[in-house]
Amino acid sequence: MTSAANPPQASPGEGAVLAALAKQFPAGQFGRYLLVGMANTLFGYGAFALLVAILDRVVPHGYIFASLISSVVGITVSYLNYKWFVFKTKGKYLREWARCVAVYSSAIVINVLLLPVFVFAIRRWTNFFAAAPYIAGAVLIGCTTIYSFVGHKRFSFRT
């Protein structure tokens, strides 16, 4: 029996796993990543909306071009924000940018593969049939955020 004075202790294996996991998320760095990520998202969507407003008037299906242009610009702005404010690396701009694109691209592939699986599971085991894509998308945003942070930390910026 445990009490407030004697809380349950983690086994040695659990302690090592928790310590290794905590090491991936240094104090303050993940918080900065989330804040910069929110700003990046607002910027990227704003750029997309602005480009749609401009391009839809002059090009058929301008939203497609707006999506492509805003994605490249958004990834580049995100990369610079993460480089300067989160991971604080020096030099290696082109190599880090290419790695950043690779992390984002792999996250997109993972989302495309997992989204139908999650939607199916939610529809199968809950009563949220119409809401299933939204719920699945929200869950995947959380997973992608953690995946991208670790990918940027260990691959893009190698801090």
C-alpha atoms as a PDB file:
ATOM      1  CA  MET A   1       0.000   0.000   0.000  1.00  0.00           C
ATOM      2  CA  THR A   2       1.271   3.475  -0.811  1.00  0.00           C
ATOM      3  CA  SER A   3       0.613   6.701   1.004  1.00  0.00           C
ATOM      4  CA  ALA A   4       1.272  10.365   0.402  1.00  0.00           C
ATOM      5  CA  ALA A   5       4.472  10.013   2.392  1.00  0.00           C
ATOM      6  CA  ASN A   6       5.611   7.005   0.333  1.00  0.00           C
ATOM      7  CA  PRO A   7       4.574   7.503  -3.302  1.00  0.00           C
ATOM      8  CA  PRO A   8       5.020   4.536  -5.670  1.00  0.00           C
ATOM      9  CA  GLN A   9       8.492   4.376  -7.147  1.00  0.00           C
ATOM     10  CA  ALA A  10       9.259   3.777 -10.820  1.00  0.00           C
ATOM     11  CA  SER A  11      11.223   0.649 -11.588  1.00  0.00           C
ATOM     12  CA  PRO A  12      14.857   1.217 -12.662  1.00  0.00           C
ATOM     13  CA  GLY A  13      13.932   0.512 -16.304  1.00  0.00           C
ATOM     14  CA  GLU A  14      11.053   3.004 -16.212  1.00  0.00           C
ATOM     15  CA  GLY A  15      13.315   5.649 -14.683  1.00  0.00           C
ATOM     16  CA  ALA A  16      15.856   5.263 -17.483  1.00  0.00           C
ATOM     17  CA  VAL A  17      13.144   5.513 -20.134  1.00  0.00           C
ATOM     18  CA  LEU A  18      11.647   8.622 -18.517  1.00  0.00           C
ATOM     19  CA  ALA A  19      15.098  10.228 -18.182  1.00  0.00           C
ATOM     20  CA  ALA A  20      15.882   9.517 -21.849  1.00  0.00           C
ATOM     21  CA  LEU A  21      12.510  10.944 -22.891  1.00  0.00           C
ATOM     22  CA  ALA A  22      12.946  14.063 -20.727  1.00  0.00           C
ATOM     23  CA  LYS A  23      16.381  14.620 -22.296  1.00  0.00           C
ATOM     24  CA  GLN A  24      14.673  15.034 -25.702  1.00  0.00           C
ATOM     25  CA  PHE A  25      12.633  17.981 -24.370  1.00  0.00           C
ATOM     26  CA  PRO A  26      15.034  20.400 -22.615  1.00  0.00           C
ATOM     27  CA  ALA A  27      13.488  23.011 -20.336  1.00  0.00           C
ATOM     28  CA  GLY A  28      12.200  25.918 -22.367  1.00  0.00           C
ATOM     29  CA  GLN A  29      13.172  24.566 -25.786  1.00  0.00           C
ATOM     30  CA  PHE A  30       9.927  22.669 -26.430  1.00  0.00           C
ATOM     31  CA  GLY A  31       7.910  25.642 -25.144  1.00  0.00           C
ATOM     32  CA  ARG A  32       9.756  27.950 -27.545  1.00  0.00           C
ATOM     33  CA  TYR A  33       9.132  25.411 -30.301  1.00  0.00           C
ATOM     34  CA  LEU A  34       5.381  25.489 -29.619  1.00  0.00           C
ATOM     35  CA  LEU A  35       5.246  29.303 -29.541  1.00  0.00           C
ATOM     36  CA  VAL A  36       7.300  29.672 -32.706  1.00  0.00           C
ATOM     37  CA  GLY A  37       5.197  26.941 -34.309  1.00  0.00           C
ATOM     38  CA  MET A  38       1.994  28.866 -33.579  1.00  0.00           C
ATOM     39  CA  ALA A  39       3.481  32.024 -35.090  1.00  0.00           C
ATOM     40  CA  ASN A  40       4.689  30.007 -38.103  1.00  0.00           C
ATOM     41  CA  THR A  41       1.216  28.551 -38.578  1.00  0.00           C
ATOM     42  CA  LEU A  42      -0.406  31.980 -38.492  1.00  0.00           C
ATOM     43  CA  PHE A  43       2.152  33.324 -40.935  1.00  0.00           C
ATOM     44  CA  GLY A  44       1.797  30.361 -43.302  1.00  0.00           C
ATOM     45  CA  TYR A  45      -1.982  30.523 -43.344  1.00  0.00           C
ATOM     46  CA  GLY A  46      -1.914  34.296 -43.739  1.00  0.00           C
ATOM     47  CA  ALA A  47       0.460  33.990 -46.694  1.00  0.00           C
ATOM     48  CA  PHE A  48      -1.802  31.355 -48.242  1.00  0.00           C
ATOM     49  CA  ALA A  49      -4.923  33.479 -47.796  1.00  0.00           C
ATOM     50  CA  LEU A  50      -3.212  36.579 -49.223  1.00  0.00           C
ATOM     51  CA  LEU A  51      -1.896  34.663 -52.222  1.00  0.00           C
ATOM     52  CA  VAL A  52      -5.320  33.108 -52.876  1.00  0.00           C
ATOM     53  CA  ALA A  53      -6.877  36.587 -52.846  1.00  0.00           C
ATOM     54  CA  ILE A  54      -4.281  37.801 -55.356  1.00  0.00           C
ATOM     55  CA  LEU A  55      -3.846  34.759 -57.614  1.00  0.00           C
ATOM     56  CA  ASP A  56      -7.485  33.656 -57.876  1.00  0.00           C
ATOM     57  CA  ARG A  57      -8.190  36.896 -59.718  1.00  0.00           C
ATOM     58  CA  VAL A  58      -5.534  36.346 -62.369  1.00  0.00           C
ATOM     59  CA  VAL A  59      -4.913  32.577 -62.655  1.00  0.00           C
ATOM     60  CA  PRO A  60      -7.438  29.733 -62.919  1.00  0.00           C
ATOM     61  CA  HIS A  61      -7.281  27.624 -59.745  1.00  0.00           C
ATOM     62  CA  GLY A  62      -4.970  30.169 -58.164  1.00  0.00           C
ATOM     63  CA  TYR A  63      -5.397  28.500 -54.785  1.00  0.00           C
ATOM     64  CA  ILE A  64      -3.195  25.618 -56.000  1.00  0.00           C
ATOM     65  CA  PHE A  65      -0.341  27.986 -56.842  1.00  0.00           C
ATOM     66  CA  ALA A  66      -1.024  29.842 -53.589  1.00  0.00           C
ATOM     67  CA  SER A  67      -0.668  26.583 -51.678  1.00  0.00           C
ATOM     68  CA  LEU A  68       2.628  25.686 -53.343  1.00  0.00           C
ATOM     69  CA  ILE A  69       4.161  29.151 -52.953  1.00  0.00           C
ATOM     70  CA  SER A  70       2.969  29.625 -49.378  1.00  0.00           C
ATOM     71  CA  SER A  71       4.279  26.157 -48.441  1.00  0.00           C
ATOM     72  CA  VAL A  72       7.804  26.928 -49.643  1.00  0.00           C
ATOM     73  CA  VAL A  73       7.754  30.391 -48.042  1.00  0.00           C
ATOM     74  CA  GLY A  74       6.155  29.035 -44.850  1.00  0.00           C
ATOM     75  CA  ILE A  75       8.682  26.221 -44.470  1.00  0.00           C
ATOM     76  CA  THR A  76      11.525  28.685 -45.041  1.00  0.00           C
ATOM     77  CA  VAL A  77      10.172  31.135 -42.449  1.00  0.00           C
ATOM     78  CA  SER A  78       9.592  28.258 -40.024  1.00  0.00           C
ATOM     79  CA  TYR A  79      13.119  27.017 -40.605  1.00  0.00           C
ATOM     80  CA  LEU A  80      14.632  30.443 -39.888  1.00  0.00           C
ATOM     81  CA  ASN A  81      12.503  30.907 -36.755  1.00  0.00           C
ATOM     82  CA  TYR A  82      13.448  27.478 -35.417  1.00  0.00           C
ATOM     83  CA  LYS A  83      17.115  28.073 -36.270  1.00  0.00           C
ATOM     84  CA  TRP A  84      17.326  31.481 -34.607  1.00  0.00           C
ATOM     85  CA  PHE A  85      14.895  31.208 -31.683  1.00  0.00           C
ATOM     86  CA  VAL A  86      14.551  27.535 -30.751  1.00  0.00           C
ATOM     87  CA  PHE A  87      17.653  25.518 -31.645  1.00  0.00           C
ATOM     88  CA  LYS A  88      20.011  28.519 -32.006  1.00  0.00           C
ATOM     89  CA  THR A  89      22.442  26.937 -34.457  1.00  0.00           C
ATOM     90  CA  LYS A  90      25.093  28.788 -36.447  1.00  0.00           C
ATOM     91  CA  GLY A  91      25.862  28.479 -40.158  1.00  0.00           C
ATOM     92  CA  LYS A  92      24.916  25.507 -42.388  1.00  0.00           C
ATOM     93  CA  TYR A  93      21.839  27.314 -43.749  1.00  0.00           C
ATOM     94  CA  LEU A  94      21.291  25.304 -46.936  1.00  0.00           C
ATOM     95  CA  ARG A  95      21.946  21.894 -45.334  1.00  0.00           C
ATOM     96  CA  GLU A  96      19.682  22.616 -42.367  1.00  0.00           C
ATOM     97  CA  TRP A  97      16.938  24.019 -44.626  1.00  0.00           C
ATOM     98  CA  ALA A  98      17.037  20.864 -46.792  1.00  0.00           C
ATOM     99  CA  ARG A  99      16.850  18.699 -43.672  1.00  0.00           C
ATOM    100  CA  CYS A 100      13.968  20.803 -42.384  1.00  0.00           C
ATOM    101  CA  VAL A 101      12.109  20.198 -45.671  1.00  0.00           C
ATOM    102  CA  ALA A 102      12.807  16.467 -45.264  1.00  0.00           C
ATOM    103  CA  VAL A 103      11.322  16.422 -41.754  1.00  0.00           C
ATOM    104  CA  TYR A 104       8.222  18.319 -42.898  1.00  0.00           C
ATOM    105  CA  SER A 105       7.864  16.081 -45.961  1.00  0.00           C
ATOM    106  CA  SER A 106       8.106  12.899 -43.918  1.00  0.00           C
ATOM    107  CA  ALA A 107       5.527  14.282 -41.465  1.00  0.00           C
ATOM    108  CA  ILE A 108       3.159  14.941 -44.376  1.00  0.00           C
ATOM    109  CA  VAL A 109       3.599  11.367 -45.640  1.00  0.00           C
ATOM    110  CA  ILE A 110       2.973   9.972 -42.148  1.00  0.00           C
ATOM    111  CA  ASN A 111      -0.193  12.100 -41.830  1.00  0.00           C
ATOM    112  CA  VAL A 112      -1.500  10.992 -45.226  1.00  0.00           C
ATOM    113  CA  LEU A 113      -0.942   7.339 -44.293  1.00  0.00           C
ATOM    114  CA  LEU A 114      -2.324   7.535 -40.744  1.00  0.00           C
ATOM    115  CA  LEU A 115      -5.317   9.818 -41.315  1.00  0.00           C
ATOM    116  CA  PRO A 116      -7.529   7.178 -42.961  1.00  0.00           C
ATOM    117  CA  VAL A 117      -6.549   4.622 -40.302  1.00  0.00           C
ATOM    118  CA  PHE A 118      -7.472   7.024 -37.490  1.00  0.00           C
ATOM    119  CA  VAL A 119     -10.713   8.086 -39.186  1.00  0.00           C
ATOM    120  CA  PHE A 120     -11.701   4.448 -39.671  1.00  0.00           C
ATOM    121  CA  ALA A 121     -10.905   3.593 -36.037  1.00  0.00           C
ATOM    122  CA  ILE A 122     -12.822   6.577 -34.671  1.00  0.00           C
ATOM    123  CA  ARG A 123     -15.826   5.797 -36.858  1.00  0.00           C
ATOM    124  CA  ARG A 124     -15.680   2.122 -35.958  1.00  0.00           C
ATOM    125  CA  TRP A 125     -15.374   2.472 -32.178  1.00  0.00           C
ATOM    126  CA  THR A 126     -17.158   5.753 -31.382  1.00  0.00           C
ATOM    127  CA  ASN A 127     -20.357   7.579 -32.286  1.00  0.00           C
ATOM    128  CA  PHE A 128     -18.420  10.462 -33.898  1.00  0.00           C
ATOM    129  CA  PHE A 129     -18.919   9.468 -37.544  1.00  0.00           C
ATOM    130  CA  ALA A 130     -19.130  12.965 -39.070  1.00  0.00           C
ATOM    131  CA  ALA A 131     -16.539  14.426 -36.692  1.00  0.00           C
ATOM    132  CA  ALA A 132     -14.041  11.573 -37.178  1.00  0.00           C
ATOM    133  CA  PRO A 133     -11.818  13.401 -39.733  1.00  0.00           C
ATOM    134  CA  TYR A 134     -11.601  16.449 -37.463  1.00  0.00           C
ATOM    135  CA  ILE A 135     -10.801  14.391 -34.373  1.00  0.00           C
ATOM    136  CA  ALA A 136      -8.238  12.335 -36.281  1.00  0.00           C
ATOM    137  CA  GLY A 137      -6.672  15.510 -37.674  1.00  0.00           C
ATOM    138  CA  ALA A 138      -6.403  17.017 -34.190  1.00  0.00           C
ATOM    139  CA  VAL A 139      -4.776  13.855 -32.804  1.00  0.00           C
ATOM    140  CA  LEU A 140      -2.331  13.808 -35.695  1.00  0.00           C
ATOM    141  CA  ILE A 141      -1.428  17.472 -35.126  1.00  0.00           C
ATOM    142  CA  GLY A 142      -0.302  16.517 -31.630  1.00  0.00           C
ATOM    143  CA  CYS A 143       1.663  13.528 -32.913  1.00  0.00           C
ATOM    144  CA  THR A 144       3.188  15.551 -35.753  1.00  0.00           C
ATOM    145  CA  THR A 145       4.222  18.338 -33.381  1.00  0.00           C
ATOM    146  CA  ILE A 146       6.206  15.935 -31.221  1.00  0.00           C
ATOM    147  CA  TYR A 147       7.577  14.060 -34.252  1.00  0.00           C
ATOM    148  CA  SER A 148       8.670  17.311 -35.920  1.00  0.00           C
ATOM    149  CA  PHE A 149      10.308  18.648 -32.758  1.00  0.00           C
ATOM    150  CA  VAL A 150      12.368  15.492 -32.313  1.00  0.00           C
ATOM    151  CA  GLY A 151      13.118  15.374 -36.058  1.00  0.00           C
ATOM    152  CA  HIS A 152      14.294  18.976 -36.110  1.00  0.00           C
ATOM    153  CA  LYS A 153      16.285  18.571 -32.900  1.00  0.00           C
ATOM    154  CA  ARG A 154      18.006  15.321 -33.889  1.00  0.00           C
ATOM    155  CA  PHE A 155      18.215  15.755 -37.681  1.00  0.00           C
ATOM    156  CA  SER A 156      17.541  19.249 -39.049  1.00  0.00           C
ATOM    157  CA  PHE A 157      19.522  21.175 -36.453  1.00  0.00           C
ATOM    158  CA  ARG A 158      21.417  18.403 -34.609  1.00  0.00           C
ATOM    159  CA  THR A 159      21.680  20.254 -31.317  1.00  0.00           C
END
